């Protein structure tokens, strides 16, 4: 077994260019090495990975090097595709914060193990981005419209929520994580090749079935489906506002406030992205998301990424000046153009993925617990 440890604890293991390249290089070596039969990924400190290093990306864009910033995203999405098509079993242990780009490293592993310390979120719309790294694929395959809810609100989920909705395979108490790691390592030593069912059985020795908290959004899944099944962001928000006049549930008010504080353009980009993702393969989703990220980095239509990052991460005044302050101002044509390639710009390089690699995302043959369940 080989362990890959994200080791930037002071920055919550946020991914920078060097880390992405090191991950790609080492995972390639382990995949080709016949003596390696299993890879484990974990984070050092209180975070698994809090996403990409937005501050570094923002610096490049403000200095006029948006194509350098895009290069980081290109490498990151290629890494995500590699993990999703990895030829050997991968186990991710998420015993802490996991957000944005960090989610893809875990969700595309064969097994995703979370604990009571796990805190999950995809809050990109709050900084003028939108959930990418394949989110339009894996969030669109959650039950009902819970994926829309996650991406449009940036809601924080705990370990119990993540397992229950299908974004992780197992819940293990943090006190048992070291025992689990040792057991998996012992299994890999005893076997030249890893039998997935045996690996699952080993994990299940330590796995628990956690109880959802009363505050869990999954308790309100029926209401979430009613709200977030609407076909536009405007209709979703109107539904919530009307609901708030009849129901004083704090959850409704928090949901409305989260959406109203996010970039209207980002909200519309994500809703279109996840709706298209339901009928597309992962590689198609990654390419589509990459095109939109390119336009946001180049500020082709809006400067919301710079505004949101400045307001939330740099100045921290939490007062971004979105180009379009109202949802109605974000026309469908602008949203559509974000997902098209930047034709005629020499600095834009399209995302090229190795489509000969076979995806591991159809896991119905494994004996794991819930993984990316179909909508119903």
Protein backbone atom coordinates (compact mmCIF):
# COMPACT_ATOMS: atom_id res chain seq x y z
CA UNK A 1 0.00 0.00 0.00
CA UNK A 2 1.08 3.55 -0.66
CA UNK A 3 -0.17 6.54 1.32
CA UNK A 4 -0.61 9.95 -0.27
CA UNK A 5 -0.75 12.59 2.48
CA UNK A 6 -1.80 16.15 1.68
CA UNK A 7 0.69 18.05 3.81
CA UNK A 8 -0.09 21.74 3.88
CA UNK A 9 -1.92 21.88 7.22
CA UNK A 10 -1.38 25.60 7.81
CA UNK A 11 -3.41 26.27 4.64
CA UNK A 12 -5.98 23.53 5.32
CA UNK A 13 -4.26 21.46 2.61
CA UNK A 14 -5.58 23.72 -0.15
CA UNK A 15 -4.27 22.54 -3.50
CA UNK A 16 -1.69 24.63 -5.28
CA UNK A 17 -0.03 23.89 -8.62
CA UNK A 18 2.89 22.03 -7.06
CA UNK A 19 0.63 19.76 -5.00
CA UNK A 20 -1.52 18.89 -8.02
CA UNK A 21 1.57 18.02 -10.06
CA UNK A 22 3.04 15.92 -7.22
CA UNK A 23 -0.24 14.06 -6.84
CA UNK A 24 -0.43 13.39 -10.58
CA UNK A 25 3.18 12.19 -10.70
CA UNK A 26 2.98 9.90 -7.67
CA UNK A 27 -0.39 8.42 -8.55
CA UNK A 28 0.93 7.65 -12.04
CA UNK A 29 3.96 5.88 -10.56
CA UNK A 30 1.81 3.84 -8.15
CA UNK A 31 -0.65 2.89 -10.86
CA UNK A 32 2.16 1.50 -13.04
CA UNK A 33 4.07 -0.18 -10.19
CA UNK A 34 3.10 -3.88 -10.01
CA UNK A 35 4.18 -4.04 -6.35
CA UNK A 36 1.50 -1.49 -5.37
CA UNK A 37 -2.01 -2.89 -4.98
CA UNK A 38 -3.73 -0.11 -3.03
CA UNK A 39 -3.47 3.67 -2.55
CA UNK A 40 -4.73 5.58 0.49
CA UNK A 41 -5.24 9.36 0.48
CA UNK A 42 -5.52 11.44 3.64
CA UNK A 43 -4.78 14.93 4.93
CA UNK A 44 -2.41 16.14 7.62
CA UNK A 45 -4.00 18.36 10.27
CA UNK A 46 -7.64 19.32 10.72
CA UNK A 47 -8.49 19.29 7.02
CA UNK A 48 -8.51 16.70 4.29
CA UNK A 49 -8.48 19.46 1.65
CA UNK A 50 -10.28 22.80 1.70
CA UNK A 51 -10.21 23.09 -2.11
CA UNK A 52 -7.96 24.91 -4.51
CA UNK A 53 -5.64 27.73 -3.45
CA UNK A 54 -7.89 30.57 -4.58
CA UNK A 55 -5.55 33.28 -3.27
CA UNK A 56 -2.75 32.03 -5.56
CA UNK A 57 -5.15 31.84 -8.51
CA UNK A 58 -6.49 35.32 -7.78
CA UNK A 59 -2.97 36.75 -7.71
CA UNK A 60 -2.25 35.40 -11.18
CA UNK A 61 -5.46 36.85 -12.61
CA UNK A 62 -4.98 40.29 -11.07
CA UNK A 63 -1.43 40.37 -12.48
CA UNK A 64 -2.84 39.74 -15.95
CA UNK A 65 -1.93 36.05 -16.20
CA UNK A 66 -5.39 34.48 -16.38
CA UNK A 67 -4.12 31.71 -18.67
CA UNK A 68 -1.64 30.65 -15.96
CA UNK A 69 -4.54 30.44 -13.51
CA UNK A 70 -6.47 28.36 -16.03
CA UNK A 71 -3.47 26.04 -16.34
CA UNK A 72 -3.90 25.18 -12.67
CA UNK A 73 -7.54 24.24 -13.25
CA UNK A 74 -6.59 22.22 -16.32
CA UNK A 75 -4.10 20.16 -14.29
CA UNK A 76 -6.56 19.79 -11.43
CA UNK A 77 -9.35 18.48 -13.67
CA UNK A 78 -6.96 16.06 -15.35
CA UNK A 79 -6.02 14.81 -11.88
CA UNK A 80 -9.69 14.35 -10.99
CA UNK A 81 -10.25 12.38 -14.21
CA UNK A 82 -7.24 10.20 -13.41
CA UNK A 83 -8.57 9.38 -9.94
CA UNK A 84 -12.01 8.59 -11.36
CA UNK A 85 -10.42 6.16 -13.84
CA UNK A 86 -7.70 4.81 -11.54
CA UNK A 87 -6.78 1.20 -12.23
CA UNK A 88 -6.14 0.30 -8.58
CA UNK A 89 -8.36 0.68 -5.52
CA UNK A 90 -8.12 4.03 -3.76
CA UNK A 91 -9.29 4.73 -0.22
CA UNK A 92 -9.74 8.32 0.97
CA UNK A 93 -9.94 9.05 4.69
CA UNK A 94 -11.68 12.36 5.29
CA UNK A 95 -11.23 13.14 8.98
CA UNK A 96 -11.77 16.90 8.77
CA UNK A 97 -12.68 19.72 6.40
CA UNK A 98 -13.34 18.90 2.76
CA UNK A 99 -14.45 21.56 0.29
CA UNK A 100 -14.46 22.40 -3.39
CA UNK A 101 -11.58 20.80 -5.27
CA UNK A 102 -10.81 18.54 -2.33
CA UNK A 103 -14.17 16.82 -2.77
CA UNK A 104 -13.15 15.38 -6.14
CA UNK A 105 -10.07 13.68 -4.70
CA UNK A 106 -12.30 11.85 -2.25
CA UNK A 107 -15.52 11.27 -4.19
CA UNK A 108 -13.71 9.67 -7.12
CA UNK A 109 -11.87 7.19 -4.88
CA UNK A 110 -13.25 3.67 -4.67
CA UNK A 111 -13.99 4.11 -0.96
CA UNK A 112 -14.65 7.35 0.91
CA UNK A 113 -14.41 7.17 4.70
CA UNK A 114 -15.70 10.04 6.84
CA UNK A 115 -15.83 10.67 10.59
CA UNK A 116 -17.64 12.87 13.11
CA UNK A 117 -14.98 15.51 12.36
CA UNK A 118 -15.82 15.71 8.65
CA UNK A 119 -17.20 19.00 7.37
CA UNK A 120 -18.24 19.10 3.71
CA UNK A 121 -19.21 22.09 1.56
CA UNK A 122 -19.08 23.37 -2.00
CA UNK A 123 -19.37 27.13 -1.43
CA UNK A 124 -17.94 28.33 -4.75
CA UNK A 125 -20.96 30.47 -5.71
CA UNK A 126 -20.22 32.73 -2.73
CA UNK A 127 -16.90 33.77 -4.33
CA UNK A 128 -18.18 34.12 -7.89
CA UNK A 129 -17.28 30.63 -9.07
CA UNK A 130 -19.54 27.59 -9.25
CA UNK A 131 -19.09 23.97 -8.11
CA UNK A 132 -16.88 22.30 -10.73
CA UNK A 133 -14.32 19.41 -10.48
CA UNK A 134 -17.02 17.09 -11.82
CA UNK A 135 -19.72 18.35 -9.43
CA UNK A 136 -22.24 18.49 -12.25
CA UNK A 137 -21.71 14.73 -12.54
CA UNK A 138 -21.61 13.52 -8.94
CA UNK A 139 -24.07 16.02 -7.44
CA UNK A 140 -26.60 15.41 -10.21
CA UNK A 141 -26.68 11.73 -9.28
CA UNK A 142 -27.74 12.24 -5.70
CA UNK A 143 -31.31 11.46 -4.69
CA UNK A 144 -33.92 13.93 -5.85
CA UNK A 145 -32.61 17.49 -6.11
CA UNK A 146 -30.26 17.40 -3.15
CA UNK A 147 -27.34 18.15 -5.48
CA UNK A 148 -28.96 21.40 -6.57
CA UNK A 149 -29.45 22.32 -2.93
CA UNK A 150 -25.79 21.64 -2.10
CA UNK A 151 -24.41 23.71 -4.97
CA UNK A 152 -26.83 26.64 -4.83
CA UNK A 153 -26.59 27.20 -1.07
CA UNK A 154 -23.06 26.05 -0.15
CA UNK A 155 -24.63 24.19 2.79
CA UNK A 156 -22.26 22.51 5.24
CA UNK A 157 -22.77 18.78 5.79
CA UNK A 158 -21.35 16.56 8.51
CA UNK A 159 -20.12 12.97 8.24
CA UNK A 160 -23.53 11.45 8.92
CA UNK A 161 -25.12 13.63 6.21
CA UNK A 162 -22.45 12.70 3.69
CA UNK A 163 -22.88 8.97 4.14
CA UNK A 164 -26.68 9.22 4.15
CA UNK A 165 -26.85 11.17 0.89
CA UNK A 166 -24.30 8.99 -0.88
CA UNK A 167 -21.20 11.20 -1.01
CA UNK A 168 -19.22 8.73 1.11
CA UNK A 169 -19.24 4.96 1.49
CA UNK A 170 -18.46 4.53 5.20
CA UNK A 171 -18.61 6.35 8.53
CA UNK A 172 -15.87 5.51 11.06
CA UNK A 173 -15.31 7.17 14.44
CA UNK A 174 -12.09 9.18 14.45
CA UNK A 175 -10.74 7.17 17.39
CA UNK A 176 -10.80 4.09 15.15
CA UNK A 177 -9.17 5.61 12.08
CA UNK A 178 -5.63 4.50 12.97
CA UNK A 179 -6.86 0.96 13.65
CA UNK A 180 -8.62 0.97 10.29
CA UNK A 181 -5.52 2.21 8.48
CA UNK A 182 -3.44 -0.54 10.07
CA UNK A 183 -6.01 -3.19 9.14
CA UNK A 184 -6.10 -2.03 5.51
CA UNK A 185 -2.31 -1.95 5.37
CA UNK A 186 -2.16 -5.49 6.77
CA UNK A 187 -4.66 -6.66 4.16
CA UNK A 188 -2.55 -5.16 1.38
CA UNK A 189 0.54 -6.94 2.69
CA UNK A 190 -1.19 -10.31 2.72
CA UNK A 191 -2.55 -10.03 -0.83
CA UNK A 192 -0.78 -9.50 -4.13
CA UNK A 193 -4.01 -8.12 -5.52
CA UNK A 194 -6.79 -6.51 -3.51
CA UNK A 195 -10.22 -8.09 -3.64
CA UNK A 196 -12.70 -5.22 -3.37
CA UNK A 197 -15.18 -7.24 -1.32
CA UNK A 198 -12.44 -8.15 1.19
CA UNK A 199 -11.44 -4.49 1.44
CA UNK A 200 -15.06 -3.54 2.02
CA UNK A 201 -15.39 -6.20 4.72
CA UNK A 202 -12.27 -4.90 6.45
CA UNK A 203 -13.62 -1.35 6.48
CA UNK A 204 -17.01 -2.58 7.72
CA UNK A 205 -15.36 -3.98 10.86
CA UNK A 206 -14.87 -0.37 11.99
CA UNK A 207 -17.77 1.30 10.19
CA UNK A 208 -20.82 2.59 12.06
CA UNK A 209 -24.26 3.74 11.01
CA UNK A 210 -24.44 7.32 12.27
CA UNK A 211 -27.67 9.05 13.25
CA UNK A 212 -28.72 12.22 11.47
CA UNK A 213 -29.00 15.32 13.64
CA UNK A 214 -32.38 17.01 13.90
CA UNK A 215 -30.83 19.96 12.05
CA UNK A 216 -29.75 17.77 9.11
CA UNK A 217 -31.09 19.02 5.77
CA UNK A 218 -31.81 15.42 4.84
CA UNK A 219 -34.66 15.49 7.36
CA UNK A 220 -36.19 18.05 5.00
CA UNK A 221 -35.48 16.20 1.77
CA UNK A 222 -39.11 16.26 0.64
CA UNK A 223 -39.23 20.04 1.02
CA UNK A 224 -35.84 20.39 -0.70
CA UNK A 225 -37.13 18.39 -3.67
CA UNK A 226 -40.21 20.59 -3.94
CA UNK A 227 -38.12 23.77 -3.87
CA UNK A 228 -35.09 22.82 -5.95
CA UNK A 229 -36.92 20.90 -8.67
CA UNK A 230 -38.00 24.21 -10.20
CA UNK A 231 -36.43 24.87 -13.59
CA UNK A 232 -34.86 28.30 -12.92
CA UNK A 233 -33.01 29.89 -10.01
CA UNK A 234 -35.65 32.62 -9.91
CA UNK A 235 -38.43 30.07 -9.45
CA UNK A 236 -36.47 28.22 -6.77
CA UNK A 237 -35.92 31.42 -4.80
CA UNK A 238 -39.53 32.58 -5.28
CA UNK A 239 -40.75 29.21 -4.02
CA UNK A 240 -38.60 29.56 -0.91
CA UNK A 241 -39.72 33.14 -0.28
CA UNK A 242 -43.39 32.17 -0.59
CA UNK A 243 -42.76 29.25 1.73
CA UNK A 244 -41.21 31.59 4.31
CA UNK A 245 -44.49 33.54 4.57
CA UNK A 246 -46.25 30.39 5.75
CA UNK A 247 -43.45 28.67 7.61
CA UNK A 248 -40.97 30.33 9.97
CA UNK A 249 -38.52 27.41 9.86
CA UNK A 250 -34.97 28.79 10.30
CA UNK A 251 -33.81 26.42 7.56
CA UNK A 252 -35.88 28.30 4.97
CA UNK A 253 -34.53 31.71 6.01
CA UNK A 254 -30.93 30.45 6.02
CA UNK A 255 -31.39 28.94 2.56
CA UNK A 256 -32.80 32.18 1.16
CA UNK A 257 -30.00 34.26 2.69
CA UNK A 258 -27.32 31.90 1.34
CA UNK A 259 -28.65 32.15 -2.20
CA UNK A 260 -29.15 35.92 -2.05
CA UNK A 261 -25.57 36.50 -0.91
CA UNK A 262 -24.07 34.42 -3.75
CA UNK A 263 -23.24 35.62 -7.26
CA UNK A 264 -26.42 35.54 -9.37
CA UNK A 265 -24.32 34.57 -12.40
CA UNK A 266 -22.68 31.72 -10.48
CA UNK A 267 -26.04 30.38 -9.33
CA UNK A 268 -27.32 30.28 -12.90
CA UNK A 269 -24.10 28.69 -14.17
CA UNK A 270 -24.36 25.92 -11.60
CA UNK A 271 -28.04 25.17 -12.19
CA UNK A 272 -27.50 24.84 -15.94
CA UNK A 273 -24.36 22.79 -15.31
CA UNK A 274 -25.95 20.24 -12.97
CA UNK A 275 -29.05 19.87 -15.14
CA UNK A 276 -26.90 19.11 -18.19
CA UNK A 277 -24.66 16.85 -16.12
CA UNK A 278 -27.50 14.43 -15.39
CA UNK A 279 -27.34 13.04 -18.91
CA UNK A 280 -23.59 13.33 -19.54
CA UNK A 281 -20.51 11.26 -18.81
CA UNK A 282 -17.85 12.52 -16.44
CA UNK A 283 -15.42 13.60 -19.16
CA UNK A 284 -18.15 15.67 -20.81
CA UNK A 285 -18.95 17.34 -17.49
CA UNK A 286 -15.30 18.17 -16.83
CA UNK A 287 -14.82 19.75 -20.26
CA UNK A 288 -18.00 21.82 -19.93
CA UNK A 289 -17.04 23.03 -16.46
CA UNK A 290 -13.52 23.85 -17.64
CA UNK A 291 -14.84 26.09 -20.42
CA UNK A 292 -16.88 28.09 -17.91
CA UNK A 293 -13.92 28.39 -15.52
CA UNK A 294 -11.85 29.73 -18.44
CA UNK A 295 -14.37 32.49 -19.09
CA UNK A 296 -14.52 33.37 -15.38
CA UNK A 297 -10.72 33.58 -15.15
CA UNK A 298 -10.52 35.69 -18.32
CA UNK A 299 -13.49 37.81 -17.18
CA UNK A 300 -15.08 37.34 -20.58
CA UNK A 301 -18.52 38.38 -19.36
CA UNK A 302 -18.31 39.11 -15.61
CA UNK A 303 -15.65 39.87 -13.02
CA UNK A 304 -17.53 38.10 -10.23
CA UNK A 305 -14.70 35.65 -9.47
CA UNK A 306 -12.34 38.53 -8.65
CA UNK A 307 -15.03 40.42 -6.74
CA UNK A 308 -16.14 37.43 -4.70
CA UNK A 309 -12.61 36.29 -3.88
CA UNK A 310 -11.62 39.82 -2.86
CA UNK A 311 -14.68 40.29 -0.64
CA UNK A 312 -14.63 36.87 1.02
CA UNK A 313 -10.95 35.90 1.12
CA UNK A 314 -8.76 39.01 0.82
CA UNK A 315 -10.44 42.15 2.19
CA UNK A 316 -13.05 40.00 3.96
CA UNK A 317 -15.61 42.81 3.91
CA UNK A 318 -18.20 40.31 2.59
CA UNK A 319 -19.50 42.97 0.21
CA UNK A 320 -18.81 41.77 -3.33
CA UNK A 321 -20.00 43.99 -6.16
CA UNK A 322 -21.46 41.48 -8.62
CA UNK A 323 -21.73 42.65 -12.21
CA UNK A 324 -25.35 41.54 -12.24
CA UNK A 325 -26.88 42.09 -8.82
CA UNK A 326 -30.27 40.61 -9.76
CA UNK A 327 -30.97 37.13 -11.11
CA UNK A 328 -33.24 38.59 -13.79
CA UNK A 329 -30.28 40.54 -15.22
CA UNK A 330 -28.34 37.35 -15.99
CA UNK A 331 -29.69 36.44 -19.41
CA UNK A 332 -29.73 32.84 -20.58
CA UNK A 333 -27.51 33.70 -23.56
CA UNK A 334 -24.71 34.83 -21.22
CA UNK A 335 -25.01 31.61 -19.22
CA UNK A 336 -24.90 29.53 -22.39
CA UNK A 337 -21.82 31.34 -23.73
CA UNK A 338 -19.86 30.55 -20.56
CA UNK A 339 -19.90 26.84 -21.46
CA UNK A 340 -18.59 27.36 -24.98
CA UNK A 341 -14.89 27.23 -25.87
CA UNK A 342 -13.09 30.56 -26.09
CA UNK A 343 -12.78 30.66 -29.84
CA UNK A 344 -10.10 32.92 -31.28
CA UNK A 345 -8.16 33.43 -28.04
CA UNK A 346 -4.61 32.11 -28.41
CA UNK A 347 -4.16 31.88 -24.63
CA UNK A 348 -7.02 29.40 -24.29
CA UNK A 349 -6.11 25.73 -24.49
CA UNK A 350 -8.98 23.21 -24.50
CA UNK A 351 -9.12 20.51 -21.83
CA UNK A 352 -7.86 17.23 -23.29
CA UNK A 353 -8.63 14.09 -21.29
CA UNK A 354 -7.47 10.54 -21.89
CA UNK A 355 -10.82 9.09 -22.93
CA UNK A 356 -9.25 5.64 -23.38
CA UNK A 357 -9.23 5.27 -19.59
CA UNK A 358 -12.24 3.38 -18.26
CA UNK A 359 -14.31 5.13 -15.60
CA UNK A 360 -14.70 3.49 -12.20
CA UNK A 361 -17.86 5.40 -11.45
CA UNK A 362 -20.24 2.57 -12.30
CA UNK A 363 -19.77 0.78 -9.00
CA UNK A 364 -22.95 -1.27 -8.94
CA UNK A 365 -20.95 -4.50 -8.99
CA UNK A 366 -19.11 -3.71 -5.75
CA UNK A 367 -20.40 -4.59 -2.30
CA UNK A 368 -19.94 -1.08 -0.94
CA UNK A 369 -22.60 0.88 0.85
CA UNK A 370 -24.34 3.81 -0.86
CA UNK A 371 -22.31 5.40 -3.61
CA UNK A 372 -23.79 8.06 -5.87
CA UNK A 373 -27.34 6.67 -5.85
CA UNK A 374 -29.61 7.37 -8.79
CA UNK A 375 -32.29 10.02 -8.53
CA UNK A 376 -35.73 8.86 -7.47
